[in-house]
Amino acid sequence: MRRMYTRRTWIRWQSALLGLAVLSMTGAFGCSDDDNTVAEPQPNPYLAQVTPENVLRNLITAYVEEDLDEYEKLFDHDLFEFVFDPLDVQEDQDLPPFWLWDEERESAKNMFDSNLVLDIRLEYVPGMAVQVDEGDDVPDLSWMKVEVTNIELEIETKDPLGGENIIYKVSGDRGVFFFREYPNETVGGLPLVRIVEWRDQRTAFRLPSVENSWGNIKSVFS
């Protein structure tokens, strides 16, 4: 069974690591009041942004950590488009066919900053990164793409009216992410990679009021 990564998971791991570090230092140096020990810095949970696979893993981390600064790093702010699933657009006349970076950032900021959001759980299965071709209908054939499957997203929120918590859920959906390399910006000699387009692909069957698409959830917080 695949583990769902959540903000609470990161906190538990960090607390456990800190506890082990304190116990280790106590055993090694004793309990003298004169000791002035400093806890080890926590490891950076973000991977080097030099492959599409690392970018997609960082997207999960930024989501569950509700970290807007790290989320912003993953995208090309000038080129980015989020493309809603055509079925969502057909069913909701208020949805545009796509939106650009400003709308994407606003939606993420509202989600991450909301006092009503209690927890975010997210996992998916990324495929192999491949070169795009003419059938992908993109403006630059140097881009790469990754198809993501089995998207499992849950955003638990408080009911503003005081009722039971509301959970926005995506289960089993897909997405296609397009990436571009930036040779003038490097990490360890390798070019940075950013997301330039994200196409949402919902499953055909869903339970109304229970399951949502990722695009629908984004629009709730826009």
Protein backbone atom coordinates (compact mmCIF):
# COMPACT_ATOMS: atom_id res chain seq x y z
CA MET A 1 0.00 0.00 0.00
CA ARG A 2 1.39 3.43 -0.91
CA ARG A 3 1.87 5.89 1.94
CA MET A 4 0.08 9.21 1.71
CA TYR A 5 2.46 12.07 2.50
CA THR A 6 0.97 14.72 4.79
CA ARG A 7 2.18 17.74 6.69
CA ARG A 8 1.61 15.81 9.91
CA THR A 9 3.85 13.03 8.58
CA TRP A 10 6.71 15.49 8.04
CA ILE A 11 6.22 16.92 11.54
CA ARG A 12 6.28 13.45 13.13
CA TRP A 13 9.44 12.50 11.26
CA GLN A 14 11.16 15.74 12.21
CA SER A 15 10.17 15.35 15.87
CA ALA A 16 11.47 11.78 15.91
CA LEU A 17 14.77 12.79 14.37
CA LEU A 18 15.16 15.62 16.86
CA GLY A 19 14.43 13.28 19.76
CA LEU A 20 17.04 10.79 18.60
CA ALA A 21 19.59 13.56 18.21
CA VAL A 22 18.95 14.80 21.75
CA LEU A 23 19.20 11.28 23.22
CA SER A 24 22.43 10.66 21.34
CA MET A 25 24.02 13.86 22.60
CA THR A 26 22.85 13.17 26.15
CA GLY A 27 24.45 9.73 26.15
CA ALA A 28 27.69 10.99 24.66
CA PHE A 29 28.23 14.07 26.78
CA GLY A 30 26.27 13.42 29.98
CA CYS A 31 23.71 15.68 31.57
CA SER A 32 25.90 18.46 32.87
CA ASP A 33 24.18 21.81 33.22
CA ASP A 34 27.28 23.34 31.67
CA ASP A 35 26.68 21.59 28.33
CA ASN A 36 25.32 23.88 25.63
CA THR A 37 24.33 21.44 22.92
CA VAL A 38 22.68 22.49 19.68
CA ALA A 39 20.31 20.22 17.76
CA GLU A 40 21.36 19.09 14.31
CA PRO A 41 19.70 21.10 11.51
CA GLN A 42 16.83 19.26 9.85
CA PRO A 43 17.56 17.78 6.40
CA ASN A 44 16.14 19.68 3.45
CA PRO A 45 13.11 17.68 2.22
CA TYR A 46 13.36 19.20 -1.27
CA LEU A 47 15.34 17.49 -4.04
CA ALA A 48 17.61 19.25 -6.51
CA GLN A 49 15.32 20.69 -9.19
CA VAL A 50 17.21 19.14 -12.10
CA THR A 51 14.86 16.38 -13.33
CA PRO A 52 11.11 16.20 -13.93
CA GLU A 53 10.93 13.40 -11.37
CA ASN A 54 12.47 15.61 -8.68
CA VAL A 55 10.15 18.48 -9.55
CA LEU A 56 7.11 16.24 -9.16
CA ARG A 57 8.36 14.96 -5.80
CA ASN A 58 8.95 18.55 -4.68
CA LEU A 59 5.40 19.41 -5.74
CA ILE A 60 4.10 16.81 -3.29
CA THR A 61 6.33 18.16 -0.52
CA ALA A 62 5.32 21.78 -1.14
CA TYR A 63 1.64 20.80 -1.11
CA VAL A 64 1.69 18.84 2.14
CA GLU A 65 3.97 21.42 3.77
CA GLU A 66 1.73 24.21 2.45
CA ASP A 67 4.90 25.97 1.34
CA LEU A 68 4.14 28.67 -1.22
CA ASP A 69 7.76 29.79 -1.62
CA GLU A 70 8.89 26.31 -2.65
CA TYR A 71 5.79 25.80 -4.78
CA GLU A 72 6.59 28.94 -6.77
CA LYS A 73 10.06 27.63 -7.62
CA LEU A 74 8.61 24.70 -9.54
CA PHE A 75 6.96 26.74 -12.32
CA ASP A 76 7.89 29.01 -15.21
CA HIS A 77 5.89 32.10 -14.27
CA ASP A 78 5.90 33.48 -17.82
CA LEU A 79 4.91 30.35 -19.73
CA PHE A 80 2.86 28.33 -17.28
CA GLU A 81 -0.68 27.18 -18.09
CA PHE A 82 -2.96 24.96 -16.04
CA VAL A 83 -5.44 23.29 -18.40
CA PHE A 84 -8.73 22.20 -16.86
CA ASP A 85 -10.28 18.92 -17.91
CA PRO A 86 -12.82 19.58 -20.71
CA LEU A 87 -15.53 17.72 -18.75
CA ASP A 88 -15.09 20.10 -15.82
CA VAL A 89 -15.35 23.10 -18.13
CA GLN A 90 -18.47 21.64 -19.73
CA GLU A 91 -20.14 21.02 -16.35
CA ASP A 92 -19.11 24.32 -14.74
CA GLN A 93 -19.61 27.34 -16.97
CA ASP A 94 -17.59 29.49 -14.57
CA LEU A 95 -14.41 27.52 -15.26
CA PRO A 96 -12.11 28.79 -18.00
CA PRO A 97 -10.43 26.29 -20.35
CA PHE A 98 -7.12 27.17 -18.68
CA TRP A 99 -5.47 29.72 -16.44
CA LEU A 100 -2.01 31.25 -16.15
CA TRP A 101 0.54 31.59 -13.37
CA ASP A 102 -1.12 34.50 -11.54
CA GLU A 103 -4.31 32.49 -11.06
CA GLU A 104 -2.35 29.37 -10.12
CA ARG A 105 -0.40 31.25 -7.47
CA GLU A 106 -3.51 32.92 -6.07
CA SER A 107 -5.28 29.57 -5.72
CA ALA A 108 -2.28 27.93 -4.02
CA LYS A 109 -1.76 30.90 -1.70
CA ASN A 110 -5.41 30.91 -0.65
CA MET A 111 -5.25 27.18 0.03
CA PHE A 112 -1.97 27.23 1.97
CA ASP A 113 -2.85 30.33 3.99
CA SER A 114 -6.43 29.38 4.82
CA ASN A 115 -7.24 28.95 8.51
CA LEU A 116 -9.90 26.45 7.46
CA VAL A 117 -7.43 23.99 5.89
CA LEU A 118 -6.44 21.41 8.50
CA ASP A 119 -4.39 18.92 6.52
CA ILE A 120 -3.33 18.06 2.98
CA ARG A 121 -2.59 14.51 1.88
CA LEU A 122 -1.16 13.83 -1.56
CA GLU A 123 0.43 11.02 -3.54
CA TYR A 124 0.62 9.96 -7.17
CA VAL A 125 2.56 7.69 -9.52
CA PRO A 126 4.73 9.53 -12.07
CA GLY A 127 5.69 7.82 -15.32
CA MET A 128 8.97 8.17 -17.20
CA ALA A 129 9.99 11.55 -18.56
CA VAL A 130 9.90 11.52 -22.38
CA GLN A 131 10.47 14.05 -25.13
CA VAL A 132 7.33 15.68 -26.51
CA ASP A 133 6.30 15.22 -30.11
CA GLU A 134 4.04 17.06 -32.55
CA GLY A 135 1.00 15.19 -31.26
CA ASP A 136 1.35 16.88 -27.86
CA ASP A 137 0.35 20.26 -29.33
CA VAL A 138 3.03 22.29 -27.53
CA PRO A 139 4.98 25.28 -28.87
CA ASP A 140 8.46 23.85 -28.20
CA LEU A 141 9.54 20.31 -29.11
CA SER A 142 12.48 20.53 -26.70
CA TRP A 143 10.08 20.18 -23.77
CA MET A 144 9.69 16.95 -21.80
CA LYS A 145 6.51 15.45 -20.42
CA VAL A 146 5.51 13.08 -17.64
CA GLU A 147 2.14 11.37 -17.32
CA VAL A 148 1.02 11.05 -13.71
CA THR A 149 -1.52 8.42 -12.65
CA ASN A 150 -3.34 7.31 -9.50
CA ILE A 151 -3.58 10.80 -8.07
CA GLU A 152 -4.78 10.61 -4.46
CA LEU A 153 -5.41 14.04 -2.97
CA GLU A 154 -7.36 14.90 0.17
CA ILE A 155 -7.71 18.40 1.58
CA GLU A 156 -9.40 18.41 4.97
CA THR A 157 -11.04 21.67 5.98
CA LYS A 158 -13.14 22.93 8.83
CA ASP A 159 -16.77 23.65 8.11
CA PRO A 160 -17.12 27.45 8.48
CA LEU A 161 -20.63 26.85 9.82
CA GLY A 162 -19.37 24.56 12.58
CA GLY A 163 -20.44 21.22 11.14
CA GLU A 164 -18.32 18.19 10.35
CA ASN A 165 -15.02 18.69 8.57
CA ILE A 166 -15.19 18.91 4.78
CA ILE A 167 -12.79 16.76 2.75
CA TYR A 168 -12.09 17.63 -0.88
CA LYS A 169 -10.95 14.42 -2.53
CA VAL A 170 -9.33 13.34 -5.79
CA SER A 171 -9.06 9.59 -6.35
CA GLY A 172 -7.49 7.86 -9.32
CA ASP A 173 -7.24 10.86 -11.64
CA ARG A 174 -4.42 11.57 -14.07
CA GLY A 175 -2.39 14.54 -15.20
CA VAL A 176 0.17 15.42 -17.83
CA PHE A 177 3.03 17.72 -16.86
CA PHE A 178 5.30 19.45 -19.36
CA PHE A 179 8.79 20.62 -18.42
CA ARG A 180 11.48 22.88 -19.78
CA GLU A 181 15.20 23.01 -18.99
CA TYR A 182 17.00 26.27 -18.18
CA PRO A 183 20.69 25.89 -19.17
CA ASN A 184 21.58 29.34 -17.80
CA GLU A 185 20.41 28.33 -14.31
CA THR A 186 22.22 25.32 -12.94
CA VAL A 187 22.56 23.22 -9.80
CA GLY A 188 25.71 21.10 -9.58
CA GLY A 189 26.33 21.75 -13.25
CA LEU A 190 22.89 20.52 -14.29
CA PRO A 191 20.19 22.83 -15.70
CA LEU A 192 17.15 23.68 -13.63
CA VAL A 193 13.85 22.15 -14.71
CA ARG A 194 10.45 23.84 -14.30
CA ILE A 195 6.84 23.05 -15.10
CA VAL A 196 5.50 24.97 -18.10
CA GLU A 197 2.14 23.27 -18.54
CA TRP A 198 -0.13 21.05 -16.43
CA ARG A 199 -3.12 19.28 -18.00
CA ASP A 200 -5.70 17.93 -15.60
CA GLN A 201 -7.36 14.64 -16.60
CA ARG A 202 -10.22 13.48 -14.39
CA THR A 203 -11.62 10.00 -14.39
CA ALA A 204 -14.88 9.51 -16.26
CA PHE A 205 -16.84 8.27 -13.23
CA ARG A 206 -17.04 10.10 -9.93
CA LEU A 207 -19.38 10.48 -7.00
CA PRO A 208 -20.94 13.97 -6.93
CA SER A 209 -20.18 16.00 -3.78
CA VAL A 210 -17.64 13.36 -2.68
CA GLU A 211 -14.95 13.26 -5.36
CA ASN A 212 -13.51 16.21 -7.23
CA SER A 213 -10.90 16.80 -9.89
CA TRP A 214 -7.70 18.62 -8.97
CA GLY A 215 -8.80 21.47 -11.21
CA ASN A 216 -12.13 21.75 -9.40
CA ILE A 217 -10.37 21.94 -6.05
CA LYS A 218 -8.02 24.62 -7.35
CA SER A 219 -11.02 26.66 -8.47
CA VAL A 220 -12.59 26.44 -4.99
CA PHE A 221 -9.62 28.35 -3.59
CA SER A 222 -9.24 30.81 -6.48
